Protein backbone atom coordinates (compact mmCIF):
# COMPACT_ATOMS: atom_id res chain seq x y z
CA UNK A 1 76.55 81.43 -70.40
CA UNK A 2 79.63 80.37 -68.51
CA UNK A 3 82.92 82.15 -69.38
CA UNK A 4 84.63 79.05 -70.77
CA UNK A 5 81.79 78.36 -73.21
CA UNK A 6 81.65 82.03 -74.16
CA UNK A 7 85.39 82.07 -74.89
CA UNK A 8 85.15 78.85 -76.91
CA UNK A 9 82.27 80.26 -78.95
CA UNK A 10 84.16 83.52 -79.53
CA UNK A 11 87.19 81.61 -80.81
CA UNK A 12 85.02 79.39 -83.03
CA UNK A 13 83.22 82.40 -84.48
CA UNK A 14 86.49 84.27 -85.08
CA UNK A 15 87.78 81.29 -87.09
CA UNK A 16 84.49 80.93 -89.02
CA UNK A 17 83.16 77.82 -87.31
CA UNK A 18 79.75 77.09 -85.80
CA UNK A 19 79.24 77.80 -82.12
CA UNK A 20 78.83 74.91 -79.71
CA UNK A 21 75.07 75.48 -79.71
CA UNK A 22 74.90 75.49 -83.52
CA UNK A 23 76.89 72.26 -83.62
CA UNK A 24 74.59 70.66 -81.03
CA UNK A 25 71.57 71.76 -83.08
CA UNK A 26 72.72 69.36 -85.83
CA UNK A 27 71.45 66.57 -83.56
CA UNK A 28 67.93 67.97 -83.82
CA UNK A 29 68.28 67.90 -87.62
CA UNK A 30 69.13 64.21 -87.67
CA UNK A 31 72.90 64.25 -87.26
CA UNK A 32 74.88 62.15 -84.83
CA UNK A 33 77.23 64.38 -82.85
CA UNK A 34 78.99 62.38 -80.18
CA UNK A 35 80.52 65.45 -78.51
CA UNK A 36 79.19 68.85 -79.65
CA UNK A 37 82.16 70.60 -78.01
CA UNK A 38 84.75 68.85 -80.22
CA UNK A 39 83.91 69.09 -83.96
CA UNK A 40 84.60 72.31 -85.84
CA UNK A 41 82.05 72.84 -88.62
CA UNK A 42 81.94 75.76 -91.05
CA UNK A 43 78.64 77.65 -90.78
CA UNK A 44 78.19 77.70 -94.56
CA UNK A 45 78.24 73.91 -94.93
CA UNK A 46 75.07 71.94 -95.54
CA UNK A 47 75.10 69.01 -93.16
CA UNK A 48 72.71 66.22 -94.08
CA UNK A 49 70.63 64.11 -91.72
CA UNK A 50 72.45 60.95 -90.77
CA UNK A 51 75.93 62.47 -90.76
CA UNK A 52 78.15 61.22 -87.94
CA UNK A 53 80.58 63.76 -86.55
CA UNK A 54 83.32 62.25 -84.46
CA UNK A 55 85.25 64.28 -81.89
CA UNK A 56 87.98 66.49 -83.37
CA UNK A 57 86.43 66.47 -86.87
CA UNK A 58 86.92 69.68 -88.83
CA UNK A 59 84.82 70.53 -91.87
CA UNK A 60 85.20 73.86 -93.61
CA UNK A 61 84.52 75.30 -97.02
CA UNK A 62 87.80 75.64 -98.91
CA UNK A 63 88.26 78.71 -101.06
CA UNK A 64 90.42 78.20 -104.13
CA UNK A 65 93.19 80.68 -104.69
CA UNK A 66 93.30 82.34 -108.08
CA UNK A 67 96.98 83.20 -107.44
């Protein structure tokens, strides 16, 4: 793996997002991902077939504060 991709994946993982490869794998499951390097998707989300992820989309599971 090239160093730029490795650094991007490390940053994504540190911030609890899918790696580039995991994001690209959504295509194989019926998603439309125009640029797998751009969207940030939480690894705990269930992404359905047919979803269209545009560049710079961010989807993450929000945790409610009990304050």
